[in-house]
Amino acid sequence: MTVELEKLEVYQLAESLADLVWDICIGWEWFAKDTIGKQLVKAADSVGANIAEGYGRYAFKENIHFCCYARGSLMEVKHFLRRAMQRKLLSTEQTKSIKNILQPLAPKLNAYIRSIKAELSKSPK
């Protein structure tokens, strides 16, 4: 039985990350918003978007492929968060809130990819 996309914990975490990043970046000054902010929001949105696109493909190999894109987008989010922290655009509380989502998201995304690979190995060739 297939779990609905919106009920997948990895997808819920990706949506939470994207929403939190948006809420933070929208309050930044124009220059920060136009440089790091746009990149960060796009990367954060891309994590969930790629999970969703892979899910919608109904083919295990394509799902894995798009989940790997999601993992790449997650690394991009981490890069821009480090830039934002270095440039003092994030408060301690904001940084903690983001890390509380990021910490479980990467391992859950990897576990989701492994579970799709396991399903692929069970399917007829």
PDB file of N, CA and C in Angstrom:
ATOM      1  N   MET A   1       0.840  -1.186   0.000  1.00  0.00           N
ATOM      2  CA  MET A   1       0.000   0.000   0.000  1.00  0.00           C
ATOM      3  C   MET A   1       0.883   1.246   0.000  1.00  0.00           C
ATOM      4  N   THR A   2       0.591   2.149  -0.861  1.00  0.00           N
ATOM      5  CA  THR A   2       1.361   3.378  -1.000  1.00  0.00           C
ATOM      6  C   THR A   2       0.848   4.444  -0.039  1.00  0.00           C
ATOM      7  N   VAL A   3       1.785   5.104   0.608  1.00  0.00           N
ATOM      8  CA  VAL A   3       1.454   6.203   1.509  1.00  0.00           C
ATOM      9  C   VAL A   3       1.273   7.462   0.662  1.00  0.00           C
ATOM     10  N   GLU A   4       0.269   8.260   0.995  1.00  0.00           N
ATOM     11  CA  GLU A   4       0.063   9.529   0.286  1.00  0.00           C
ATOM     12  C   GLU A   4       1.272  10.441   0.493  1.00  0.00           C
ATOM     13  N   LEU A   5       1.591  11.196  -0.532  1.00  0.00           N
ATOM     14  CA  LEU A   5       2.739  12.100  -0.487  1.00  0.00           C
ATOM     15  C   LEU A   5       2.702  12.994   0.750  1.00  0.00           C
ATOM     16  N   GLU A   6       1.557  13.617   0.992  1.00  0.00           N
ATOM     17  CA  GLU A   6       1.441  14.574   2.096  1.00  0.00           C
ATOM     18  C   GLU A   6       1.595  13.924   3.467  1.00  0.00           C
ATOM     19  N   LYS A   7       1.535  12.600   3.525  1.00  0.00           N
ATOM     20  CA  LYS A   7       1.690  11.900   4.803  1.00  0.00           C
ATOM     21  C   LYS A   7       3.109  11.392   5.022  1.00  0.00           C
ATOM     22  N   LEU A   8       3.952  11.500   4.010  1.00  0.00           N
ATOM     23  CA  LEU A   8       5.348  11.098   4.166  1.00  0.00           C
ATOM     24  C   LEU A   8       6.057  12.102   5.070  1.00  0.00           C
ATOM     25  N   GLU A   9       6.668  11.603   6.125  1.00  0.00           N
ATOM     26  CA  GLU A   9       7.336  12.490   7.079  1.00  0.00           C
ATOM     27  C   GLU A   9       8.457  13.293   6.412  1.00  0.00           C
ATOM     28  N   VAL A  10       9.170  12.669   5.487  1.00  0.00           N
ATOM     29  CA  VAL A  10      10.252  13.374   4.803  1.00  0.00           C
ATOM     30  C   VAL A  10       9.702  14.556   4.001  1.00  0.00           C
ATOM     31  N   TYR A  11       8.548  14.383   3.398  1.00  0.00           N
ATOM     32  CA  TYR A  11       7.927  15.466   2.631  1.00  0.00           C
ATOM     33  C   TYR A  11       7.412  16.560   3.574  1.00  0.00           C
ATOM     34  N   GLN A  12       6.829  16.170   4.687  1.00  0.00           N
ATOM     35  CA  GLN A  12       6.343  17.142   5.670  1.00  0.00           C
ATOM     36  C   GLN A  12       7.494  17.993   6.204  1.00  0.00           C
ATOM     37  N   LEU A  13       8.626  17.346   6.485  1.00  0.00           N
ATOM     38  CA  LEU A  13       9.800  18.089   6.957  1.00  0.00           C
ATOM     39  C   LEU A  13      10.305  19.056   5.884  1.00  0.00           C
ATOM     40  N   ALA A  14      10.308  18.605   4.635  1.00  0.00           N
ATOM     41  CA  ALA A  14      10.752  19.475   3.538  1.00  0.00           C
ATOM     42  C   ALA A  14       9.841  20.692   3.407  1.00  0.00           C
ATOM     43  N   GLU A  15       8.540  20.479   3.546  1.00  0.00           N
ATOM     44  CA  GLU A  15       7.610  21.614   3.495  1.00  0.00           C
ATOM     45  C   GLU A  15       7.834  22.560   4.673  1.00  0.00           C
ATOM     46  N   SER A  16       8.050  22.004   5.858  1.00  0.00           N
ATOM     47  CA  SER A  16       8.306  22.831   7.044  1.00  0.00           C
ATOM     48  C   SER A  16       9.569  23.663   6.861  1.00  0.00           C
ATOM     49  N   LEU A  17      10.599  23.041   6.312  1.00  0.00           N
ATOM     50  CA  LEU A  17      11.845  23.764   6.054  1.00  0.00           C
ATOM     51  C   LEU A  17      11.605  24.920   5.087  1.00  0.00           C
ATOM     52  N   ALA A  18      10.924  24.645   3.985  1.00  0.00           N
ATOM     53  CA  ALA A  18      10.668  25.681   2.975  1.00  0.00           C
ATOM     54  C   ALA A  18       9.859  26.835   3.558  1.00  0.00           C
ATOM     55  N   ASP A  19       8.849  26.509   4.348  1.00  0.00           N
ATOM     56  CA  ASP A  19       8.015  27.559   4.947  1.00  0.00           C
ATOM     57  C   ASP A  19       8.799  28.400   5.950  1.00  0.00           C
ATOM     58  N   LEU A  20       9.625  27.743   6.756  1.00  0.00           N
ATOM     59  CA  LEU A  20      10.425  28.472   7.742  1.00  0.00           C
ATOM     60  C   LEU A  20      11.445  29.379   7.048  1.00  0.00           C
ATOM     61  N   VAL A  21      12.114  28.846   6.042  1.00  0.00           N
ATOM     62  CA  VAL A  21      13.095  29.646   5.301  1.00  0.00           C
ATOM     63  C   VAL A  21      12.420  30.870   4.678  1.00  0.00           C
ATOM     64  N   TRP A  22      11.251  30.670   4.086  1.00  0.00           N
ATOM     65  CA  TRP A  22      10.504  31.800   3.502  1.00  0.00           C
ATOM     66  C   TRP A  22      10.198  32.847   4.575  1.00  0.00           C
ATOM     67  N   ASP A  23       9.650  32.390   5.698  1.00  0.00           N
ATOM     68  CA  ASP A  23       9.264  33.312   6.771  1.00  0.00           C
ATOM     69  C   ASP A  23      10.449  34.130   7.272  1.00  0.00           C
ATOM     70  N   ILE A  24      11.622  33.524   7.285  1.00  0.00           N
ATOM     71  CA  ILE A  24      12.817  34.233   7.741  1.00  0.00           C
ATOM     72  C   ILE A  24      13.310  35.208   6.670  1.00  0.00           C
ATOM     73  N   CYS A  25      13.461  34.716   5.460  1.00  0.00           N
ATOM     74  CA  CYS A  25      14.049  35.534   4.383  1.00  0.00           C
ATOM     75  C   CYS A  25      13.180  36.718   3.988  1.00  0.00           C
ATOM     76  N   ILE A  26      11.887  36.582   4.102  1.00  0.00           N
ATOM     77  CA  ILE A  26      10.983  37.657   3.686  1.00  0.00           C
ATOM     78  C   ILE A  26      11.203  38.931   4.519  1.00  0.00           C
ATOM     79  N   GLY A  27      11.755  38.773   5.714  1.00  0.00           N
ATOM     80  CA  GLY A  27      12.000  39.914   6.589  1.00  0.00           C
ATOM     81  C   GLY A  27      13.365  40.567   6.416  1.00  0.00           C
ATOM     82  N   TRP A  28      14.190  40.029   5.544  1.00  0.00           N
ATOM     83  CA  TRP A  28      15.528  40.577   5.349  1.00  0.00           C
ATOM     84  C   TRP A  28      15.496  41.872   4.537  1.00  0.00           C
ATOM     85  N   GLU A  29      16.556  42.640   4.646  1.00  0.00           N
ATOM     86  CA  GLU A  29      16.746  43.835   3.827  1.00  0.00           C
ATOM     87  C   GLU A  29      16.858  43.426   2.360  1.00  0.00           C
ATOM     88  N   TRP A  30      16.624  44.391   1.463  1.00  0.00           N
ATOM     89  CA  TRP A  30      16.561  44.104   0.035  1.00  0.00           C
ATOM     90  C   TRP A  30      17.791  43.360  -0.488  1.00  0.00           C
ATOM     91  N   PHE A  31      18.999  43.835  -0.184  1.00  0.00           N
ATOM     92  CA  PHE A  31      20.205  43.228  -0.752  1.00  0.00           C
ATOM     93  C   PHE A  31      20.354  41.777  -0.310  1.00  0.00           C
ATOM     94  N   ALA A  32      20.181  41.515   0.967  1.00  0.00           N
ATOM     95  CA  ALA A  32      20.291  40.142   1.476  1.00  0.00           C
ATOM     96  C   ALA A  32      19.214  39.250   0.863  1.00  0.00           C
ATOM     97  N   LYS A  33      18.019  39.798   0.747  1.00  0.00           N
ATOM     98  CA  LYS A  33      16.903  39.049   0.159  1.00  0.00           C
ATOM     99  C   LYS A  33      17.176  38.734  -1.312  1.00  0.00           C
ATOM    100  N   ASP A  34      17.738  39.712  -2.024  1.00  0.00           N
ATOM    101  CA  ASP A  34      17.966  39.565  -3.461  1.00  0.00           C
ATOM    102  C   ASP A  34      19.131  38.630  -3.776  1.00  0.00           C
ATOM    103  N   THR A  35      20.050  38.469  -2.860  1.00  0.00           N
ATOM    104  CA  THR A  35      21.217  37.621  -3.114  1.00  0.00           C
ATOM    105  C   THR A  35      21.031  36.258  -2.454  1.00  0.00           C
ATOM    106  N   ILE A  36      21.316  36.154  -1.198  1.00  0.00           N
ATOM    107  CA  ILE A  36      21.209  34.873  -0.487  1.00  0.00           C
ATOM    108  C   ILE A  36      19.759  34.436  -0.321  1.00  0.00           C
ATOM    109  N   GLY A  37      18.880  35.355  -0.025  1.00  0.00           N
ATOM    110  CA  GLY A  37      17.485  35.009   0.258  1.00  0.00           C
ATOM    111  C   GLY A  37      16.804  34.263  -0.870  1.00  0.00           C
ATOM    112  N   LYS A  38      16.920  34.779  -2.086  1.00  0.00           N
ATOM    113  CA  LYS A  38      16.278  34.118  -3.233  1.00  0.00           C
ATOM    114  C   LYS A  38      16.850  32.722  -3.451  1.00  0.00           C
ATOM    115  N   GLN A  39      18.163  32.614  -3.368  1.00  0.00           N
ATOM    116  CA  GLN A  39      18.811  31.311  -3.574  1.00  0.00           C
ATOM    117  C   GLN A  39      18.387  30.318  -2.501  1.00  0.00           C
ATOM    118  N   LEU A  40      18.330  30.791  -1.273  1.00  0.00           N
ATOM    119  CA  LEU A  40      17.967  29.930  -0.155  1.00  0.00           C
ATOM    120  C   LEU A  40      16.524  29.455  -0.264  1.00  0.00           C
ATOM    121  N   VAL A  41      15.626  30.350  -0.598  1.00  0.00           N
ATOM    122  CA  VAL A  41      14.211  29.984  -0.752  1.00  0.00           C
ATOM    123  C   VAL A  41      14.035  28.993  -1.898  1.00  0.00           C
ATOM    124  N   LYS A  42      14.689  29.254  -3.026  1.00  0.00           N
ATOM    125  CA  LYS A  42      14.569  28.345  -4.175  1.00  0.00           C
ATOM    126  C   LYS A  42      15.111  26.960  -3.839  1.00  0.00           C
ATOM    127  N   ALA A  43      16.237  26.909  -3.158  1.00  0.00           N
ATOM    128  CA  ALA A  43      16.823  25.620  -2.789  1.00  0.00           C
ATOM    129  C   ALA A  43      15.923  24.878  -1.802  1.00  0.00           C
ATOM    130  N   ALA A  44      15.398  25.596  -0.811  1.00  0.00           N
ATOM    131  CA  ALA A  44      14.514  24.965   0.183  1.00  0.00           C
ATOM    132  C   ALA A  44      13.226  24.471  -0.469  1.00  0.00           C
ATOM    133  N   ASP A  45      12.648  25.269  -1.352  1.00  0.00           N
ATOM    134  CA  ASP A  45      11.440  24.837  -2.070  1.00  0.00           C
ATOM    135  C   ASP A  45      11.722  23.620  -2.942  1.00  0.00           C
ATOM    136  N   SER A  46      12.911  23.556  -3.489  1.00  0.00           N
ATOM    137  CA  SER A  46      13.286  22.484  -4.404  1.00  0.00           C
ATOM    138  C   SER A  46      13.380  21.123  -3.710  1.00  0.00           C
ATOM    139  N   VAL A  47      13.691  21.098  -2.431  1.00  0.00           N
ATOM    140  CA  VAL A  47      13.767  19.819  -1.712  1.00  0.00           C
ATOM    141  C   VAL A  47      12.420  19.109  -1.791  1.00  0.00           C
ATOM    142  N   GLY A  48      11.380  19.758  -1.330  1.00  0.00           N
ATOM    143  CA  GLY A  48      10.047  19.153  -1.365  1.00  0.00           C
ATOM    144  C   GLY A  48       9.524  18.964  -2.773  1.00  0.00           C
ATOM    145  N   ALA A  49       9.829  19.913  -3.661  1.00  0.00           N
ATOM    146  CA  ALA A  49       9.349  19.810  -5.045  1.00  0.00           C
ATOM    147  C   ALA A  49       9.918  18.573  -5.733  1.00  0.00           C
ATOM    148  N   ASN A  50      11.182  18.277  -5.490  1.00  0.00           N
ATOM    149  CA  ASN A  50      11.785  17.096  -6.107  1.00  0.00           C
ATOM    150  C   ASN A  50      11.274  15.799  -5.492  1.00  0.00           C
ATOM    151  N   ILE A  51      11.015  15.801  -4.197  1.00  0.00           N
ATOM    152  CA  ILE A  51      10.400  14.624  -3.577  1.00  0.00           C
ATOM    153  C   ILE A  51       9.036  14.388  -4.212  1.00  0.00           C
ATOM    154  N   ALA A  52       8.272  15.463  -4.370  1.00  0.00           N
ATOM    155  CA  ALA A  52       6.931  15.357  -4.959  1.00  0.00           C
ATOM    156  C   ALA A  52       6.996  14.896  -6.412  1.00  0.00           C
ATOM    157  N   GLU A  53       7.922  15.454  -7.176  1.00  0.00           N
ATOM    158  CA  GLU A  53       8.002  15.065  -8.589  1.00  0.00           C
ATOM    159  C   GLU A  53       8.384  13.596  -8.731  1.00  0.00           C
ATOM    160  N   GLY A  54       9.339  13.153  -7.949  1.00  0.00           N
ATOM    161  CA  GLY A  54       9.713  11.739  -7.998  1.00  0.00           C
ATOM    162  C   GLY A  54       8.564  10.834  -7.606  1.00  0.00           C
ATOM    163  N   TYR A  55       7.853  11.227  -6.576  1.00  0.00           N
ATOM    164  CA  TYR A  55       6.696  10.461  -6.105  1.00  0.00           C
ATOM    165  C   TYR A  55       5.654  10.345  -7.213  1.00  0.00           C
ATOM    166  N   GLY A  56       5.453  11.408  -7.933  1.00  0.00           N
ATOM    167  CA  GLY A  56       4.440  11.436  -8.980  1.00  0.00           C
ATOM    168  C   GLY A  56       4.823  10.695 -10.245  1.00  0.00           C
ATOM    169  N   ARG A  57       6.059  10.291 -10.376  1.00  0.00           N
ATOM    170  CA  ARG A  57       6.507   9.601 -11.582  1.00  0.00           C
ATOM    171  C   ARG A  57       6.053   8.135 -11.618  1.00  0.00           C
ATOM    172  N   TYR A  58       5.734   7.553 -10.493  1.00  0.00           N
ATOM    173  CA  TYR A  58       5.262   6.160 -10.403  1.00  0.00           C
ATOM    174  C   TYR A  58       6.259   5.148 -10.959  1.00  0.00           C
ATOM    175  N   ALA A  59       7.511   5.501 -11.028  1.00  0.00           N
ATOM    176  CA  ALA A  59       8.560   4.569 -11.442  1.00  0.00           C
ATOM    177  C   ALA A  59       9.676   4.673 -10.411  1.00  0.00           C
ATOM    178  N   PHE A  60      10.082   3.542  -9.864  1.00  0.00           N
ATOM    179  CA  PHE A  60      11.057   3.552  -8.777  1.00  0.00           C
ATOM    180  C   PHE A  60      12.352   4.267  -9.166  1.00  0.00           C
ATOM    181  N   LYS A  61      12.884   3.965 -10.348  1.00  0.00           N
ATOM    182  CA  LYS A  61      14.158   4.575 -10.747  1.00  0.00           C
ATOM    183  C   LYS A  61      14.042   6.092 -10.866  1.00  0.00           C
ATOM    184  N   GLU A  62      12.942   6.559 -11.428  1.00  0.00           N
ATOM    185  CA  GLU A  62      12.754   8.010 -11.547  1.00  0.00           C
ATOM    186  C   GLU A  62      12.555   8.645 -10.176  1.00  0.00           C
ATOM    187  N   ASN A  63      11.841   7.963  -9.294  1.00  0.00           N
ATOM    188  CA  ASN A  63      11.635   8.477  -7.940  1.00  0.00           C
ATOM    189  C   ASN A  63      12.985   8.639  -7.237  1.00  0.00           C
ATOM    190  N   ILE A  64      13.823   7.622  -7.345  1.00  0.00           N
ATOM    191  CA  ILE A  64      15.159   7.688  -6.743  1.00  0.00           C
ATOM    192  C   ILE A  64      15.936   8.866  -7.336  1.00  0.00           C
ATOM    193  N   HIS A  65      15.870   9.000  -8.647  1.00  0.00           N
ATOM    194  CA  HIS A  65      16.576  10.070  -9.351  1.00  0.00           C
ATOM    195  C   HIS A  65      16.181  11.444  -8.792  1.00  0.00           C
ATOM    196  N   PHE A  66      14.885  11.684  -8.646  1.00  0.00           N
ATOM    197  CA  PHE A  66      14.428  12.985  -8.153  1.00  0.00           C
ATOM    198  C   PHE A  66      14.718  13.163  -6.666  1.00  0.00           C
ATOM    199  N   CYS A  67      14.709  12.082  -5.912  1.00  0.00           N
ATOM    200  CA  CYS A  67      15.083  12.185  -4.494  1.00  0.00           C
ATOM    201  C   CYS A  67      16.560  12.540  -4.351  1.00  0.00           C
ATOM    202  N   CYS A  68      17.377  12.084  -5.286  1.00  0.00           N
ATOM    203  CA  CYS A  68      18.787  12.484  -5.274  1.00  0.00           C
ATOM    204  C   CYS A  68      18.930  13.970  -5.604  1.00  0.00           C
ATOM    205  N   TYR A  69      18.083  14.476  -6.491  1.00  0.00           N
ATOM    206  CA  TYR A  69      18.049  15.925  -6.724  1.00  0.00           C
ATOM    207  C   TYR A  69      17.651  16.655  -5.440  1.00  0.00           C
ATOM    208  N   ALA A  70      16.678  16.106  -4.726  1.00  0.00           N
ATOM    209  CA  ALA A  70      16.239  16.710  -3.461  1.00  0.00           C
ATOM    210  C   ALA A  70      17.398  16.764  -2.474  1.00  0.00           C
ATOM    211  N   ARG A  71      18.183  15.685  -2.439  1.00  0.00           N
ATOM    212  CA  ARG A  71      19.337  15.642  -1.545  1.00  0.00           C
ATOM    213  C   ARG A  71      20.357  16.711  -1.939  1.00  0.00           C
ATOM    214  N   GLY A  72      20.562  16.905  -3.232  1.00  0.00           N
ATOM    215  CA  GLY A  72      21.453  17.970  -3.697  1.00  0.00           C
ATOM    216  C   GLY A  72      20.936  19.343  -3.303  1.00  0.00           C
ATOM    217  N   SER A  73      19.634  19.541  -3.423  1.00  0.00           N
ATOM    218  CA  SER A  73      19.030  20.819  -3.020  1.00  0.00           C
ATOM    219  C   SER A  73      19.183  21.043  -1.523  1.00  0.00           C
ATOM    220  N   LEU A  74      19.096  19.972  -0.755  1.00  0.00           N
ATOM    221  CA  LEU A  74      19.275  20.077   0.694  1.00  0.00           C
ATOM    222  C   LEU A  74      20.699  20.535   1.020  1.00  0.00           C
ATOM    223  N   MET A  75      21.669  20.025   0.284  1.00  0.00           N
ATOM    224  CA  MET A  75      23.051  20.473   0.493  1.00  0.00           C
ATOM    225  C   MET A  75      23.213  21.943   0.106  1.00  0.00           C
ATOM    226  N   GLU A  76      22.494  22.355  -0.925  1.00  0.00           N
ATOM    227  CA  GLU A  76      22.512  23.765  -1.328  1.00  0.00           C
ATOM    228  C   GLU A  76      21.911  24.639  -0.224  1.00  0.00           C
ATOM    229  N   VAL A  77      20.835  24.176   0.392  1.00  0.00           N
ATOM    230  CA  VAL A  77      20.233  24.897   1.522  1.00  0.00           C
ATOM    231  C   VAL A  77      21.267  25.064   2.625  1.00  0.00           C
ATOM    232  N   LYS A  78      21.963  23.979   2.954  1.00  0.00           N
ATOM    233  CA  LYS A  78      22.967  24.043   4.019  1.00  0.00           C
ATOM    234  C   LYS A  78      24.067  25.046   3.670  1.00  0.00           C
ATOM    235  N   HIS A  79      24.468  25.076   2.416  1.00  0.00           N
ATOM    236  CA  HIS A  79      25.495  26.039   1.988  1.00  0.00           C
ATOM    237  C   HIS A  79      25.027  27.477   2.224  1.00  0.00           C
ATOM    238  N   PHE A  80      23.833  27.786   1.738  1.00  0.00           N
ATOM    239  CA  PHE A  80      23.350  29.164   1.872  1.00  0.00           C
ATOM    240  C   PHE A  80      23.026  29.520   3.322  1.00  0.00           C
ATOM    241  N   LEU A  81      22.669  28.542   4.121  1.00  0.00           N
ATOM    242  CA  LEU A  81      22.465  28.815   5.550  1.00  0.00           C
ATOM    243  C   LEU A  81      23.784  29.173   6.220  1.00  0.00           C
ATOM    244  N   ARG A  82      24.846  28.462   5.851  1.00  0.00           N
ATOM    245  CA  ARG A  82      26.160  28.817   6.401  1.00  0.00           C
ATOM    246  C   ARG A  82      26.548  30.236   5.988  1.00  0.00           C
ATOM    247  N   ARG A  83      26.257  30.608   4.741  1.00  0.00           N
ATOM    248  CA  ARG A  83      26.544  31.972   4.279  1.00  0.00           C
ATOM    249  C   ARG A  83      25.714  32.980   5.083  1.00  0.00           C
ATOM    250  N   ALA A  84      24.436  32.666   5.288  1.00  0.00           N
ATOM    251  CA  ALA A  84      23.557  33.581   6.036  1.00  0.00           C
ATOM    252  C   ALA A  84      24.015  33.717   7.483  1.00  0.00           C
ATOM    253  N   MET A  85      24.451  32.610   8.086  1.00  0.00           N
ATOM    254  CA  MET A  85      24.941  32.677   9.468  1.00  0.00           C
ATOM    255  C   MET A  85      26.226  33.495   9.529  1.00  0.00           C
ATOM    256  N   GLN A  86      27.134  33.246   8.604  1.00  0.00           N
ATOM    257  CA  GLN A  86      28.406  33.967   8.569  1.00  0.00           C
ATOM    258  C   GLN A  86      28.184  35.468   8.401  1.00  0.00           C
ATOM    259  N   ARG A  87      27.148  35.830   7.661  1.00  0.00           N
ATOM    260  CA  ARG A  87      26.860  37.237   7.391  1.00  0.00           C
ATOM    261  C   ARG A  87      25.880  37.836   8.396  1.00  0.00           C
ATOM    262  N   LYS A  88      25.622  37.065   9.441  1.00  0.00           N
ATOM    263  CA  LYS A  88      24.802  37.513  10.573  1.00  0.00           C
ATOM    264  C   LYS A  88      23.383  37.916  10.161  1.00  0.00           C
ATOM    265  N   LEU A  89      22.812  37.147   9.240  1.00  0.00           N
ATOM    266  CA  LEU A  89      21.440  37.393   8.798  1.00  0.00           C
ATOM    267  C   LEU A  89      20.429  36.596   9.616  1.00  0.00           C
ATOM    268  N   LEU A  90      20.917  35.625  10.377  1.00  0.00           N
ATOM    269  CA  LEU A  90      20.033  34.764  11.169  1.00  0.00           C
ATOM    270  C   LEU A  90      20.264  34.984  12.654  1.00  0.00           C
ATOM    271  N   SER A  91      19.175  35.030  13.404  1.00  0.00           N
ATOM    272  CA  SER A  91      19.285  35.088  14.860  1.00  0.00           C
ATOM    273  C   SER A  91      19.626  33.689  15.375  1.00  0.00           C
ATOM    274  N   THR A  92      20.040  33.613  16.616  1.00  0.00           N
ATOM    275  CA  THR A  92      20.331  32.323  17.239  1.00  0.00           C
ATOM    276  C   THR A  92      19.088  31.443  17.233  1.00  0.00           C
ATOM    277  N   GLU A  93      17.943  32.036  17.523  1.00  0.00           N
ATOM    278  CA  GLU A  93      16.682  31.286  17.548  1.00  0.00           C
ATOM    279  C   GLU A  93      16.316  30.761  16.154  1.00  0.00           C
ATOM    280  N   GLN A  94      16.505  31.582  15.136  1.00  0.00           N
ATOM    281  CA  GLN A  94      16.202  31.151  13.763  1.00  0.00           C
ATOM    282  C   GLN A  94      17.122  30.007  13.343  1.00  0.00           C
ATOM    283  N   THR A  95      18.398  30.142  13.673  1.00  0.00           N
ATOM    284  CA  THR A  95      19.362  29.093  13.346  1.00  0.00           C
ATOM    285  C   THR A  95      18.977  27.787  14.017  1.00  0.00           C
ATOM    286  N   LYS A  96      18.598  27.862  15.283  1.00  0.00           N
ATOM    287  CA  LYS A  96      18.198  26.665  16.023  1.00  0.00           C
ATOM    288  C   LYS A  96      16.944  26.035  15.401  1.00  0.00           C
ATOM    289  N   SER A  97      15.978  26.850  15.034  1.00  0.00           N
ATOM    290  CA  SER A  97      14.741  26.343  14.423  1.00  0.00           C
ATOM    291  C   SER A  97      15.021  25.627  13.109  1.00  0.00           C
ATOM    292  N   ILE A  98      15.892  26.203  12.305  1.00  0.00           N
ATOM    293  CA  ILE A  98      16.237  25.581  11.025  1.00  0.00           C
ATOM    294  C   ILE A  98      16.987  24.273  11.261  1.00  0.00           C
ATOM    295  N   LYS A  99      17.946  24.288  12.169  1.00  0.00           N
ATOM    296  CA  LYS A  99      18.717  23.069  12.453  1.00  0.00           C
ATOM    297  C   LYS A  99      17.829  21.956  12.995  1.00  0.00           C
ATOM    298  N   ASN A 100      16.783  22.322  13.737  1.00  0.00           N
ATOM    299  CA  ASN A 100      15.857  21.312  14.264  1.00  0.00           C
ATOM    300  C   ASN A 100      15.094  20.594  13.154  1.00  0.00           C
ATOM    301  N   ILE A 101      14.951  21.239  12.009  1.00  0.00           N
ATOM    302  CA  ILE A 101      14.325  20.585  10.850  1.00  0.00           C
ATOM    303  C   ILE A 101      15.386  19.862  10.022  1.00  0.00           C
ATOM    304  N   LEU A 102      16.524  20.504   9.810  1.00  0.00           N
ATOM    305  CA  LEU A 102      17.578  19.913   8.984  1.00  0.00           C
ATOM    306  C   LEU A 102      18.133  18.625   9.574  1.00  0.00           C
ATOM    307  N   GLN A 103      18.272  18.597  10.895  1.00  0.00           N
ATOM    308  CA  GLN A 103      18.906  17.444  11.537  1.00  0.00           C
ATOM    309  C   GLN A 103      18.211  16.128  11.187  1.00  0.00           C
ATOM    310  N   PRO A 104      16.884  16.036  11.280  1.00  0.00           N
ATOM    311  CA  PRO A 104      16.254  14.768  10.902  1.00  0.00           C
ATOM    312  C   PRO A 104      15.977  14.633   9.402  1.00  0.00           C
ATOM    313  N   LEU A 105      15.977  15.739   8.664  1.00  0.00           N
ATOM    314  CA  LEU A 105      15.570  15.681   7.253  1.00  0.00           C
ATOM    315  C   LEU A 105      16.546  14.884   6.391  1.00  0.00           C
ATOM    316  N   ALA A 106      17.827  15.145   6.498  1.00  0.00           N
ATOM    317  CA  ALA A 106      18.806  14.439   5.655  1.00  0.00           C
ATOM    318  C   ALA A 106      18.767  12.927   5.889  1.00  0.00           C
ATOM    319  N   PRO A 107      18.815  12.452   7.143  1.00  0.00           N
ATOM    320  CA  PRO A 107      18.742  11.000   7.342  1.00  0.00           C
ATOM    321  C   PRO A 107      17.414  10.394   6.875  1.00  0.00           C
ATOM    322  N   LYS A 108      16.325  11.127   7.045  1.00  0.00           N
ATOM    323  CA  LYS A 108      15.024  10.615   6.588  1.00  0.00           C
ATOM    324  C   LYS A 108      14.959  10.562   5.062  1.00  0.00           C
ATOM    325  N   LEU A 109      15.566  11.536   4.409  1.00  0.00           N
ATOM    326  CA  LEU A 109      15.605  11.513   2.950  1.00  0.00           C
ATOM    327  C   LEU A 109      16.434  10.320   2.470  1.00  0.00           C
ATOM    328  N   ASN A 110      17.572  10.080   3.106  1.00  0.00           N
ATOM    329  CA  ASN A 110      18.393   8.918   2.750  1.00  0.00           C
ATOM    330  C   ASN A 110      17.649   7.611   3.010  1.00  0.00           C
ATOM    331  N   ALA A 111      16.927   7.543   4.112  1.00  0.00           N
ATOM    332  CA  ALA A 111      16.142   6.339   4.420  1.00  0.00           C
ATOM    333  C   ALA A 111      15.032   6.141   3.391  1.00  0.00           C
ATOM    334  N   TYR A 112      14.417   7.232   2.966  1.00  0.00           N
ATOM    335  CA  TYR A 112      13.364   7.157   1.949  1.00  0.00           C
ATOM    336  C   TYR A 112      13.942   6.632   0.634  1.00  0.00           C
ATOM    337  N   ILE A 113      15.111   7.116   0.258  1.00  0.00           N
ATOM    338  CA  ILE A 113      15.776   6.631  -0.959  1.00  0.00           C
ATOM    339  C   ILE A 113      16.075   5.137  -0.829  1.00  0.00           C
ATOM    340  N   ARG A 114      16.589   4.717   0.326  1.00  0.00           N
ATOM    341  CA  ARG A 114      16.866   3.287   0.542  1.00  0.00           C
ATOM    342  C   ARG A 114      15.598   2.454   0.438  1.00  0.00           C
ATOM    343  N   SER A 115      14.492   2.979   0.969  1.00  0.00           N
ATOM    344  CA  SER A 115      13.235   2.214   0.917  1.00  0.00           C
ATOM    345  C   SER A 115      12.733   2.077  -0.525  1.00  0.00           C
ATOM    346  N   ILE A 116      12.923   3.105  -1.330  1.00  0.00           N
ATOM    347  CA  ILE A 116      12.529   3.022  -2.744  1.00  0.00           C
ATOM    348  C   ILE A 116      13.422   2.008  -3.460  1.00  0.00           C
ATOM    349  N   LYS A 117      14.725   2.030  -3.156  1.00  0.00           N
ATOM    350  CA  LYS A 117      15.650   1.059  -3.756  1.00  0.00           C
ATOM    351  C   LYS A 117      15.262  -0.365  -3.372  1.00  0.00           C
ATOM    352  N   ALA A 118      14.831  -0.546  -2.129  1.00  0.00           N
ATOM    353  CA  ALA A 118      14.399  -1.878  -1.684  1.00  0.00           C
ATOM    354  C   ALA A 118      13.169  -2.329  -2.468  1.00  0.00           C
ATOM    355  N   GLU A 119      12.233  -1.420  -2.688  1.00  0.00           N
ATOM    356  CA  GLU A 119      11.041  -1.748  -3.488  1.00  0.00           C
ATOM    357  C   GLU A 119      11.434  -2.064  -4.930  1.00  0.00           C
ATOM    358  N   LEU A 120      12.386  -1.326  -5.449  1.00  0.00           N
ATOM    359  CA  LEU A 120      12.864  -1.564  -6.814  1.00  0.00           C
ATOM    360  C   LEU A 120      13.458  -2.963  -6.935  1.00  0.00           C
ATOM    361  N   SER A 121      14.229  -3.366  -5.928  1.00  0.00           N
ATOM    362  CA  SER A 121      14.868  -4.688  -5.986  1.00  0.00           C
ATOM    363  C   SER A 121      13.853  -5.826  -5.906  1.00  0.00           C
ATOM    364  N   LYS A 122      12.682  -5.564  -5.340  1.00  0.00           N
ATOM    365  CA  LYS A 122      11.624  -6.580  -5.242  1.00  0.00           C
ATOM    366  C   LYS A 122      10.774  -6.663  -6.502  1.00  0.00           C
ATOM    367  N   SER A 123      10.814  -5.615  -7.313  1.00  0.00           N
ATOM    368  CA  SER A 123       9.935  -5.575  -8.485  1.00  0.00           C
ATOM    369  C   SER A 123      10.498  -6.453  -9.606  1.00  0.00           C
ATOM    370  N   PRO A 124       9.598  -7.004 -10.434  1.00  0.00           N
ATOM    371  CA  PRO A 124      10.062  -7.832 -11.553  1.00  0.00           C
ATOM    372  C   PRO A 124      10.865  -6.995 -12.549  1.00  0.00           C
ATOM    373  N   LYS A 125      11.852  -7.596 -13.097  1.00  0.00           N
ATOM    374  CA  LYS A 125      12.739  -6.885 -14.032  1.00  0.00           C
ATOM    375  C   LYS A 125      12.091  -6.666 -15.368  1.00  0.00           C
TER     376      LYS A 125
END
